[in-house]
Amino acid sequence: MSTVSLRIGGVPEHFNFPWRLAHSIFGFSPNGVDFTWKDYYGGTGFMREDLHAGNLDLAVMLTEGAIADINKNPGLKIVGQYVSSPLHWGVHVHAEDGPLDTHTLINTPFAISRKGSGSHLMAYVYAQQQGWNPEELRFVEVKNLEGARKSLAEGTATAFLWEKFTTKPVVDSGEWRRIDVVLTPWPSFVVVGREEVVNQQGVAIQKLLEQIKVYLTKTTKPQIISLINQDLGLDETDVEIWLAQTRWDCLPQISSETLSITESTLAAVGLVNQRLDPKAYIAPYTQLV
């Protein structure tokens, strides 16, 4: 039996430890399907571009980023929900010169990794929650976390939204302050694929999700904490707190409510232009629950 090989990408963060360590730690057995993993330090915006360009087959993307893109551009489909708990976005400013509270962020520029990225989309969601006019937001593209550090230090941007445990070492060092935390009103991560690959390799993709799910269910909590500490250098206490807040799915399914809430919220801030049938977002074999 020939082996299907898939190219998969995602951010090099704790959520993706099963993919990043599948071969080196878990001894991934292809069983008809194998994959190569690529780290995307710039996040959803960069993955979206590589998917459309044919440089990537699947990606672990933010739910809002996937829905915003599929709503506007044909070519991608959601295979299933990967993480069903919300993402905790920290609102960060420079420790020395940044605003003291959220009220003074209004009309100041936000750093974003790229247009269409999670940091971009969530800035709009955050503005809506704060009662600001999203149309008045200004952005500075910084590519990644390191670019955001440079931008906030130089004062070209005032604030940056990023997953709070990923940025915690920067906060703990005294370089940044976290002045707020905003939770996504929807589950955080989905697995997304190019429509051509999703349609042609459905069996292989579902097998792969099953295998990653096995790693998640068989790996003990102390093992996960130790692995993430060794792989990414995050403090074990922080990893334990994060793990207690995280729920995994890794199944070829997604709820209609998730699609509806995300689409409605993005529409309210002008980031999607049309309301689609839920089935327009998903692969043919993905279940709506």
C-alpha atoms as a PDB file:
ATOM      1  CA  MET A   1       0.000   0.000   0.000  1.00  0.00           C
ATOM      2  CA  SER A   2       1.383   3.388  -0.971  1.00  0.00           C
ATOM      3  CA  THR A   3       1.697   6.083   1.674  1.00  0.00           C
ATOM      4  CA  VAL A   4       0.016   9.465   1.289  1.00  0.00           C
ATOM      5  CA  SER A   5       2.278  12.290   2.448  1.00  0.00           C
ATOM      6  CA  LEU A   6       0.692  15.571   3.539  1.00  0.00           C
ATOM      7  CA  ARG A   7       2.332  18.941   4.188  1.00  0.00           C
ATOM      8  CA  ILE A   8       0.959  20.476   7.384  1.00  0.00           C
ATOM      9  CA  GLY A   9       1.696  23.797   9.047  1.00  0.00           C
ATOM     10  CA  GLY A  10       0.942  25.640  12.264  1.00  0.00           C
ATOM     11  CA  VAL A  11       2.337  28.073  14.779  1.00  0.00           C
ATOM     12  CA  PRO A  12       5.249  26.746  16.879  1.00  0.00           C
ATOM     13  CA  GLU A  13       3.239  26.939  20.081  1.00  0.00           C
ATOM     14  CA  HIS A  14       2.079  24.594  22.814  1.00  0.00           C
ATOM     15  CA  PHE A  15      -1.241  23.771  21.112  1.00  0.00           C
ATOM     16  CA  ASN A  16       0.633  22.034  18.341  1.00  0.00           C
ATOM     17  CA  PHE A  17       2.954  19.851  20.380  1.00  0.00           C
ATOM     18  CA  PRO A  18       1.385  16.554  19.097  1.00  0.00           C
ATOM     19  CA  TRP A  19       2.141  17.505  15.484  1.00  0.00           C
ATOM     20  CA  ARG A  20       5.577  18.958  16.166  1.00  0.00           C
ATOM     21  CA  LEU A  21       6.705  15.956  18.228  1.00  0.00           C
ATOM     22  CA  ALA A  22       4.838  13.187  16.395  1.00  0.00           C
ATOM     23  CA  HIS A  23       7.919  11.771  14.698  1.00  0.00           C
ATOM     24  CA  SER A  24      10.677  12.617  17.176  1.00  0.00           C
ATOM     25  CA  ILE A  25       8.923  11.719  20.451  1.00  0.00           C
ATOM     26  CA  PHE A  26       5.812   9.687  19.696  1.00  0.00           C
ATOM     27  CA  GLY A  27       7.374   7.521  16.973  1.00  0.00           C
ATOM     28  CA  PHE A  28       4.676   8.319  14.434  1.00  0.00           C
ATOM     29  CA  SER A  29       3.782   5.241  12.372  1.00  0.00           C
ATOM     30  CA  PRO A  30       2.582   6.203   8.858  1.00  0.00           C
ATOM     31  CA  ASN A  31      -0.003   3.397   8.443  1.00  0.00           C
ATOM     32  CA  GLY A  32      -0.825   4.633   4.951  1.00  0.00           C
ATOM     33  CA  VAL A  33      -0.482   8.341   5.713  1.00  0.00           C
ATOM     34  CA  ASP A  34       2.524  10.412   6.732  1.00  0.00           C
ATOM     35  CA  PHE A  35       3.158  14.130   7.046  1.00  0.00           C
ATOM     36  CA  THR A  36       5.798  16.803   7.231  1.00  0.00           C
ATOM     37  CA  TRP A  37       5.339  19.713   9.617  1.00  0.00           C
ATOM     38  CA  LYS A  38       6.301  23.343   9.039  1.00  0.00           C
ATOM     39  CA  ASP A  39       6.375  26.020  11.743  1.00  0.00           C
ATOM     40  CA  TYR A  40       4.690  29.303  10.832  1.00  0.00           C
ATOM     41  CA  TYR A  41       5.951  32.009  13.146  1.00  0.00           C
ATOM     42  CA  GLY A  42       3.766  34.607  11.420  1.00  0.00           C
ATOM     43  CA  GLY A  43       0.539  32.741  12.169  1.00  0.00           C
ATOM     44  CA  THR A  44      -2.732  32.420  10.283  1.00  0.00           C
ATOM     45  CA  GLY A  45      -2.093  35.026   7.584  1.00  0.00           C
ATOM     46  CA  PHE A  46       1.065  33.300   6.349  1.00  0.00           C
ATOM     47  CA  MET A  47      -0.528  29.838   6.443  1.00  0.00           C
ATOM     48  CA  ARG A  48      -3.521  31.088   4.489  1.00  0.00           C
ATOM     49  CA  GLU A  49      -1.264  32.421   1.746  1.00  0.00           C
ATOM     50  CA  ASP A  50       0.728  29.184   1.472  1.00  0.00           C
ATOM     51  CA  LEU A  51      -2.446  27.088   1.352  1.00  0.00           C
ATOM     52  CA  HIS A  52      -3.823  29.120  -1.536  1.00  0.00           C
ATOM     53  CA  ALA A  53      -0.451  29.036  -3.299  1.00  0.00           C
ATOM     54  CA  GLY A  54      -0.326  25.242  -3.104  1.00  0.00           C
ATOM     55  CA  ASN A  55       2.729  25.225  -0.820  1.00  0.00           C
ATOM     56  CA  LEU A  56       0.787  23.593   2.024  1.00  0.00           C
ATOM     57  CA  ASP A  57      -1.925  20.921   2.180  1.00  0.00           C
ATOM     58  CA  LEU A  58      -3.347  21.349   5.691  1.00  0.00           C
ATOM     59  CA  ALA A  59      -2.961  23.888   8.474  1.00  0.00           C
ATOM     60  CA  VAL A  60      -3.953  24.235  12.107  1.00  0.00           C
ATOM     61  CA  MET A  61      -5.535  27.672  11.972  1.00  0.00           C
ATOM     62  CA  LEU A  62      -7.495  29.990  14.198  1.00  0.00           C
ATOM     63  CA  THR A  63     -11.219  29.409  13.725  1.00  0.00           C
ATOM     64  CA  GLU A  64     -11.897  33.070  12.950  1.00  0.00           C
ATOM     65  CA  GLY A  65      -9.071  33.215  10.419  1.00  0.00           C
ATOM     66  CA  ALA A  66     -10.344  30.146   8.591  1.00  0.00           C
ATOM     67  CA  ILE A  67     -13.940  31.390   8.436  1.00  0.00           C
ATOM     68  CA  ALA A  68     -12.955  34.902   7.348  1.00  0.00           C
ATOM     69  CA  ASP A  69     -10.860  33.503   4.517  1.00  0.00           C
ATOM     70  CA  ILE A  70     -13.329  30.884   3.277  1.00  0.00           C
ATOM     71  CA  ASN A  71     -16.117  33.470   3.318  1.00  0.00           C
ATOM     72  CA  LYS A  72     -14.190  35.676   0.889  1.00  0.00           C
ATOM     73  CA  ASN A  73     -12.009  33.274  -1.094  1.00  0.00           C
ATOM     74  CA  PRO A  74     -12.878  29.861  -2.523  1.00  0.00           C
ATOM     75  CA  GLY A  75     -10.333  27.085  -2.242  1.00  0.00           C
ATOM     76  CA  LEU A  76     -10.146  26.086   1.437  1.00  0.00           C
ATOM     77  CA  LYS A  77     -12.347  23.877   3.621  1.00  0.00           C
ATOM     78  CA  ILE A  78     -12.490  23.169   7.341  1.00  0.00           C
ATOM     79  CA  VAL A  79     -11.794  19.499   8.064  1.00  0.00           C
ATOM     80  CA  GLY A  80     -12.661  19.640  11.746  1.00  0.00           C
ATOM     81  CA  GLN A  81     -12.287  21.296  15.120  1.00  0.00           C
ATOM     82  CA  TYR A  82      -8.860  20.777  16.664  1.00  0.00           C
ATOM     83  CA  VAL A  83      -9.189  22.675  19.976  1.00  0.00           C
ATOM     84  CA  SER A  84     -12.690  23.336  21.289  1.00  0.00           C
ATOM     85  CA  SER A  85     -11.815  25.684  24.160  1.00  0.00           C
ATOM     86  CA  PRO A  86     -11.508  29.456  23.536  1.00  0.00           C
ATOM     87  CA  LEU A  87      -8.164  31.138  23.006  1.00  0.00           C
ATOM     88  CA  HIS A  88      -6.920  33.569  25.656  1.00  0.00           C
ATOM     89  CA  TRP A  89      -5.542  36.613  23.846  1.00  0.00           C
ATOM     90  CA  GLY A  90      -3.348  38.927  25.881  1.00  0.00           C
ATOM     91  CA  VAL A  91      -3.462  42.658  25.120  1.00  0.00           C
ATOM     92  CA  HIS A  92       0.160  43.735  25.420  1.00  0.00           C
ATOM     93  CA  VAL A  93       1.915  47.095  25.603  1.00  0.00           C
ATOM     94  CA  HIS A  94       5.520  48.074  26.229  1.00  0.00           C
ATOM     95  CA  ALA A  95       6.295  48.119  29.933  1.00  0.00           C
ATOM     96  CA  GLU A  96       8.042  51.491  29.954  1.00  0.00           C
ATOM     97  CA  ASP A  97       6.104  53.633  27.514  1.00  0.00           C
ATOM     98  CA  GLY A  98       2.833  51.795  26.935  1.00  0.00           C
ATOM     99  CA  PRO A  99      -0.627  52.892  28.114  1.00  0.00           C
ATOM    100  CA  LEU A 100      -1.586  52.038  31.672  1.00  0.00           C
ATOM    101  CA  ASP A 101      -5.039  50.717  30.802  1.00  0.00           C
ATOM    102  CA  THR A 102      -7.291  49.802  27.879  1.00  0.00           C
ATOM    103  CA  HIS A 103      -9.075  53.167  27.809  1.00  0.00           C
ATOM    104  CA  THR A 104      -5.946  54.899  26.514  1.00  0.00           C
ATOM    105  CA  LEU A 105      -5.529  52.427  23.626  1.00  0.00           C
ATOM    106  CA  ILE A 106      -8.282  54.007  21.571  1.00  0.00           C
ATOM    107  CA  ASN A 107      -7.021  55.633  18.348  1.00  0.00           C
ATOM    108  CA  THR A 108      -3.528  54.173  18.783  1.00  0.00           C
ATOM    109  CA  PRO A 109      -1.920  51.769  16.267  1.00  0.00           C
ATOM    110  CA  PHE A 110      -2.051  48.012  16.867  1.00  0.00           C
ATOM    111  CA  ALA A 111       0.752  45.718  15.763  1.00  0.00           C
ATOM    112  CA  ILE A 112      -0.484  42.768  13.673  1.00  0.00           C
ATOM    113  CA  SER A 113       1.464  39.934  12.109  1.00  0.00           C
ATOM    114  CA  ARG A 114      -0.305  40.358   8.764  1.00  0.00           C
ATOM    115  CA  LYS A 115      -3.674  41.391   7.347  1.00  0.00           C
ATOM    116  CA  GLY A 116      -6.166  38.578   7.869  1.00  0.00           C
ATOM    117  CA  SER A 117      -4.150  37.121  10.735  1.00  0.00           C
ATOM    118  CA  GLY A 118      -5.565  36.350  14.160  1.00  0.00           C
ATOM    119  CA  SER A 119      -3.912  39.408  15.677  1.00  0.00           C
ATOM    120  CA  HIS A 120      -5.617  41.509  13.004  1.00  0.00           C
ATOM    121  CA  LEU A 121      -9.079  39.934  13.300  1.00  0.00           C
ATOM    122  CA  MET A 122      -9.083  39.899  17.093  1.00  0.00           C
ATOM    123  CA  ALA A 123      -8.146  43.585  17.245  1.00  0.00           C
ATOM    124  CA  TYR A 124     -11.473  44.264  15.514  1.00  0.00           C
ATOM    125  CA  VAL A 125     -13.323  41.957  17.880  1.00  0.00           C
ATOM    126  CA  TYR A 126     -11.643  43.623  20.849  1.00  0.00           C
ATOM    127  CA  ALA A 127     -12.555  47.087  19.543  1.00  0.00           C
ATOM    128  CA  GLN A 128     -16.177  46.027  19.259  1.00  0.00           C
ATOM    129  CA  GLN A 129     -16.163  44.675  22.816  1.00  0.00           C
ATOM    130  CA  GLN A 130     -14.672  47.959  24.060  1.00  0.00           C
ATOM    131  CA  GLY A 131     -17.308  50.027  22.255  1.00  0.00           C
ATOM    132  CA  TRP A 132     -14.804  51.590  19.842  1.00  0.00           C
ATOM    133  CA  ASN A 133     -15.440  52.195  16.168  1.00  0.00           C
ATOM    134  CA  PRO A 134     -13.592  49.337  14.392  1.00  0.00           C
ATOM    135  CA  GLU A 135     -13.299  51.444  11.236  1.00  0.00           C
ATOM    136  CA  GLU A 136     -10.992  53.829  13.080  1.00  0.00           C
ATOM    137  CA  LEU A 137      -8.434  51.150  13.963  1.00  0.00           C
ATOM    138  CA  ARG A 138      -4.904  51.597  12.631  1.00  0.00           C
ATOM    139  CA  PHE A 139      -2.419  48.770  12.104  1.00  0.00           C
ATOM    140  CA  VAL A 140       1.290  48.171  11.698  1.00  0.00           C
ATOM    141  CA  GLU A 141       2.294  44.880  10.078  1.00  0.00           C
ATOM    142  CA  VAL A 142       5.153  43.275  12.020  1.00  0.00           C
ATOM    143  CA  LYS A 143       5.227  39.681  10.649  1.00  0.00           C
ATOM    144  CA  ASN A 144       5.652  37.838  13.969  1.00  0.00           C
ATOM    145  CA  LEU A 145       6.236  38.057  17.714  1.00  0.00           C
ATOM    146  CA  GLU A 146       9.795  39.324  17.300  1.00  0.00           C
ATOM    147  CA  GLY A 147       8.537  42.017  14.954  1.00  0.00           C
ATOM    148  CA  ALA A 148       5.956  43.032  17.546  1.00  0.00           C
ATOM    149  CA  ARG A 149       8.647  43.329  20.215  1.00  0.00           C
ATOM    150  CA  LYS A 150      10.617  45.648  17.961  1.00  0.00           C
ATOM    151  CA  SER A 151       7.554  47.715  17.018  1.00  0.00           C
ATOM    152  CA  LEU A 152       6.391  48.223  20.609  1.00  0.00           C
ATOM    153  CA  ALA A 153       9.925  49.088  21.717  1.00  0.00           C
ATOM    154  CA  GLU A 154      10.313  51.677  18.947  1.00  0.00           C
ATOM    155  CA  GLY A 155       6.814  53.075  19.485  1.00  0.00           C
ATOM    156  CA  THR A 156       5.571  52.473  15.915  1.00  0.00           C
ATOM    157  CA  ALA A 157       2.728  50.441  17.447  1.00  0.00           C
ATOM    158  CA  THR A 158       1.132  50.731  20.861  1.00  0.00           C
ATOM    159  CA  ALA A 159      -0.471  47.334  21.493  1.00  0.00           C
ATOM    160  CA  PHE A 160      -0.293  43.750  20.295  1.00  0.00           C
ATOM    161  CA  LEU A 161      -2.754  40.875  20.735  1.00  0.00           C
ATOM    162  CA  TRP A 162      -1.239  37.397  20.981  1.00  0.00           C
ATOM    163  CA  GLU A 163      -1.899  34.164  22.886  1.00  0.00           C
ATOM    164  CA  LYS A 164      -1.059  35.005  26.483  1.00  0.00           C
ATOM    165  CA  PHE A 165       1.015  31.949  27.422  1.00  0.00           C
ATOM    166  CA  THR A 166       3.202  32.336  24.333  1.00  0.00           C
ATOM    167  CA  THR A 167       3.984  35.922  25.312  1.00  0.00           C
ATOM    168  CA  LYS A 168       4.262  35.269  29.056  1.00  0.00           C
ATOM    169  CA  PRO A 169       8.085  35.059  29.023  1.00  0.00           C
ATOM    170  CA  VAL A 170       8.175  38.544  27.438  1.00  0.00           C
ATOM    171  CA  VAL A 171       5.795  39.830  30.136  1.00  0.00           C
ATOM    172  CA  ASP A 172       7.682  38.077  32.942  1.00  0.00           C
ATOM    173  CA  SER A 173      10.968  39.596  31.766  1.00  0.00           C
ATOM    174  CA  GLY A 174       9.521  43.075  32.313  1.00  0.00           C
ATOM    175  CA  GLU A 175       9.648  44.036  28.635  1.00  0.00           C
ATOM    176  CA  TRP A 176       5.867  44.048  28.163  1.00  0.00           C
ATOM    177  CA  ARG A 177       2.802  44.529  30.336  1.00  0.00           C
ATOM    178  CA  ARG A 178      -0.414  42.617  29.739  1.00  0.00           C
ATOM    179  CA  ILE A 179      -3.203  45.105  30.397  1.00  0.00           C
ATOM    180  CA  ASP A 180      -6.132  42.919  29.412  1.00  0.00           C
ATOM    181  CA  VAL A 181      -7.153  39.443  28.288  1.00  0.00           C
ATOM    182  CA  VAL A 182      -9.852  38.741  25.733  1.00  0.00           C
ATOM    183  CA  LEU A 183     -11.327  35.299  25.093  1.00  0.00           C
ATOM    184  CA  THR A 184     -12.582  34.277  21.693  1.00  0.00           C
ATOM    185  CA  PRO A 185     -16.370  33.768  21.741  1.00  0.00           C
ATOM    186  CA  TRP A 186     -15.778  30.502  19.809  1.00  0.00           C
ATOM    187  CA  PRO A 187     -13.535  27.413  19.895  1.00  0.00           C
ATOM    188  CA  SER A 188      -9.983  28.355  19.059  1.00  0.00           C
ATOM    189  CA  PHE A 189      -8.418  26.098  16.393  1.00  0.00           C
ATOM    190  CA  VAL A 190      -9.561  24.165  13.330  1.00  0.00           C
ATOM    191  CA  VAL A 191      -7.761  21.982  10.807  1.00  0.00           C
ATOM    192  CA  VAL A 192      -8.110  23.524   7.348  1.00  0.00           C
ATOM    193  CA  GLY A 193      -7.100  22.143   3.981  1.00  0.00           C
ATOM    194  CA  ARG A 194      -6.902  23.034   0.326  1.00  0.00           C
ATOM    195  CA  GLU A 195     -10.172  21.925  -1.239  1.00  0.00           C
ATOM    196  CA  GLU A 196      -8.426  19.755  -3.820  1.00  0.00           C
ATOM    197  CA  VAL A 197      -6.486  17.861  -1.142  1.00  0.00           C
ATOM    198  CA  VAL A 198      -9.467  17.667   1.214  1.00  0.00           C
ATOM    199  CA  ASN A 199     -11.598  16.066  -1.505  1.00  0.00           C
ATOM    200  CA  GLN A 200      -8.949  13.680  -2.840  1.00  0.00           C
ATOM    201  CA  GLN A 201      -7.355  12.571   0.428  1.00  0.00           C
ATOM    202  CA  GLY A 202     -10.310  12.454   2.811  1.00  0.00           C
ATOM    203  CA  VAL A 203      -9.570   8.960   4.109  1.00  0.00           C
ATOM    204  CA  ALA A 204      -5.904   9.794   4.737  1.00  0.00           C
ATOM    205  CA  ILE A 205      -6.770  13.065   6.490  1.00  0.00           C
ATOM    206  CA  GLN A 206      -9.255  11.375   8.806  1.00  0.00           C
ATOM    207  CA  LYS A 207      -6.680   8.671   9.606  1.00  0.00           C
ATOM    208  CA  LEU A 208      -4.167  11.336  10.467  1.00  0.00           C
ATOM    209  CA  LEU A 209      -6.570  13.124  12.810  1.00  0.00           C
ATOM    210  CA  GLU A 210      -7.284   9.810  14.535  1.00  0.00           C
ATOM    211  CA  GLN A 211      -3.570   9.227  15.072  1.00  0.00           C
ATOM    212  CA  ILE A 212      -2.999  12.679  16.569  1.00  0.00           C
ATOM    213  CA  LYS A 213      -6.058  12.144  18.787  1.00  0.00           C
ATOM    214  CA  VAL A 214      -4.462   8.930  20.065  1.00  0.00           C
ATOM    215  CA  TYR A 215      -1.342  10.855  21.118  1.00  0.00           C
ATOM    216  CA  LEU A 216      -3.503  13.376  22.944  1.00  0.00           C
ATOM    217  CA  THR A 217      -5.504  10.755  24.833  1.00  0.00           C
ATOM    218  CA  LYS A 218      -2.617   8.427  25.693  1.00  0.00           C
ATOM    219  CA  THR A 219      -0.133  11.070  26.816  1.00  0.00           C
ATOM    220  CA  THR A 220      -0.442  11.791  30.524  1.00  0.00           C
ATOM    221  CA  LYS A 221      -0.720  15.298  31.937  1.00  0.00           C
ATOM    222  CA  PRO A 222       2.790  15.220  33.510  1.00  0.00           C
ATOM    223  CA  GLN A 223       4.210  13.993  30.187  1.00  0.00           C
ATOM    224  CA  ILE A 224       2.540  16.806  28.247  1.00  0.00           C
ATOM    225  CA  ILE A 225       3.803  19.414  30.708  1.00  0.00           C
ATOM    226  CA  SER A 226       7.353  18.046  30.493  1.00  0.00           C
ATOM    227  CA  LEU A 227       7.298  17.788  26.680  1.00  0.00           C
ATOM    228  CA  ILE A 228       6.112  21.368  26.181  1.00  0.00           C
ATOM    229  CA  ASN A 229       8.621  22.640  28.718  1.00  0.00           C
ATOM    230  CA  GLN A 230      11.451  20.887  26.865  1.00  0.00           C
ATOM    231  CA  ASP A 231      10.220  21.759  23.373  1.00  0.00           C
ATOM    232  CA  LEU A 232       9.258  25.419  23.844  1.00  0.00           C
ATOM    233  CA  GLY A 233      10.834  26.417  27.142  1.00  0.00           C
ATOM    234  CA  LEU A 234       7.553  27.421  28.786  1.00  0.00           C
ATOM    235  CA  ASP A 235       7.427  27.290  32.576  1.00  0.00           C
ATOM    236  CA  GLU A 236       5.878  24.034  33.795  1.00  0.00           C
ATOM    237  CA  THR A 237       3.475  25.853  36.121  1.00  0.00           C
ATOM    238  CA  ASP A 238       2.228  27.971  33.212  1.00  0.00           C
ATOM    239  CA  VAL A 239       1.825  24.876  31.040  1.00  0.00           C
ATOM    240  CA  GLU A 240      -0.218  23.202  33.773  1.00  0.00           C
ATOM    241  CA  ILE A 241      -2.544  26.221  34.007  1.00  0.00           C
ATOM    242  CA  TRP A 242      -2.891  26.351  30.219  1.00  0.00           C
ATOM    243  CA  LEU A 243      -3.567  22.623  30.000  1.00  0.00           C
ATOM    244  CA  ALA A 244      -6.396  22.892  32.547  1.00  0.00           C
ATOM    245  CA  GLN A 245      -8.064  25.488  30.288  1.00  0.00           C
ATOM    246  CA  THR A 246      -7.678  23.479  27.070  1.00  0.00           C
ATOM    247  CA  ARG A 247     -10.129  21.005  25.507  1.00  0.00           C
ATOM    248  CA  TRP A 248      -9.115  18.962  22.480  1.00  0.00           C
ATOM    249  CA  ASP A 249     -11.339  17.591  19.722  1.00  0.00           C
ATOM    250  CA  CYS A 250      -9.141  16.613  16.766  1.00  0.00           C
ATOM    251  CA  LEU A 251     -12.156  15.123  14.999  1.00  0.00           C
ATOM    252  CA  PRO A 252     -13.717  15.617  11.541  1.00  0.00           C
ATOM    253  CA  GLN A 253     -16.598  17.614  12.971  1.00  0.00           C
ATOM    254  CA  ILE A 254     -17.565  21.162  13.946  1.00  0.00           C
ATOM    255  CA  SER A 255     -20.682  22.680  15.449  1.00  0.00           C
ATOM    256  CA  SER A 256     -23.098  24.786  13.434  1.00  0.00           C
ATOM    257  CA  GLU A 257     -23.146  27.200  16.378  1.00  0.00           C
ATOM    258  CA  THR A 258     -19.375  27.749  16.106  1.00  0.00           C
ATOM    259  CA  LEU A 259     -19.686  28.615  12.427  1.00  0.00           C
ATOM    260  CA  SER A 260     -22.679  30.878  13.022  1.00  0.00           C
ATOM    261  CA  ILE A 261     -21.252  32.809  16.005  1.00  0.00           C
ATOM    262  CA  THR A 262     -17.891  33.346  14.343  1.00  0.00           C
ATOM    263  CA  GLU A 263     -19.424  34.440  11.054  1.00  0.00           C
ATOM    264  CA  SER A 264     -21.876  36.805  12.797  1.00  0.00           C
ATOM    265  CA  THR A 265     -19.150  38.421  14.901  1.00  0.00           C
ATOM    266  CA  LEU A 266     -16.879  38.911  11.905  1.00  0.00           C
ATOM    267  CA  ALA A 267     -19.794  40.333   9.905  1.00  0.00           C
ATOM    268  CA  ALA A 268     -20.556  42.833  12.687  1.00  0.00           C
ATOM    269  CA  VAL A 269     -17.075  44.356  12.322  1.00  0.00           C
ATOM    270  CA  GLY A 270     -17.084  44.205   8.526  1.00  0.00           C
ATOM    271  CA  LEU A 271     -14.646  41.332   8.072  1.00  0.00           C
ATOM    272  CA  VAL A 272     -16.989  39.066   6.110  1.00  0.00           C
ATOM    273  CA  ASN A 273     -19.377  40.207   3.413  1.00  0.00           C
ATOM    274  CA  GLN A 274     -21.908  37.407   3.131  1.00  0.00           C
ATOM    275  CA  ARG A 275     -23.724  34.774   5.136  1.00  0.00           C
ATOM    276  CA  LEU A 276     -22.974  31.272   3.897  1.00  0.00           C
ATOM    277  CA  ASP A 277     -24.639  27.941   4.423  1.00  0.00           C
ATOM    278  CA  PRO A 278     -22.621  26.126   7.137  1.00  0.00           C
ATOM    279  CA  LYS A 279     -21.829  23.335   4.670  1.00  0.00           C
ATOM    280  CA  ALA A 280     -19.988  25.843   2.468  1.00  0.00           C
ATOM    281  CA  TYR A 281     -17.246  26.021   5.105  1.00  0.00           C
ATOM    282  CA  ILE A 282     -16.585  22.326   5.610  1.00  0.00           C
ATOM    283  CA  ALA A 283     -15.261  19.225   3.873  1.00  0.00           C
ATOM    284  CA  PRO A 284     -17.817  16.740   2.449  1.00  0.00           C
ATOM    285  CA  TYR A 285     -17.094  14.230   5.243  1.00  0.00           C
ATOM    286  CA  THR A 286     -17.003  16.742   8.104  1.00  0.00           C
ATOM    287  CA  GLN A 287     -19.997  16.394  10.417  1.00  0.00           C
ATOM    288  CA  LEU A 288     -22.049  19.346  11.620  1.00  0.00           C
ATOM    289  CA  VAL A 289     -22.915  18.745  15.264  1.00  0.00           C
END
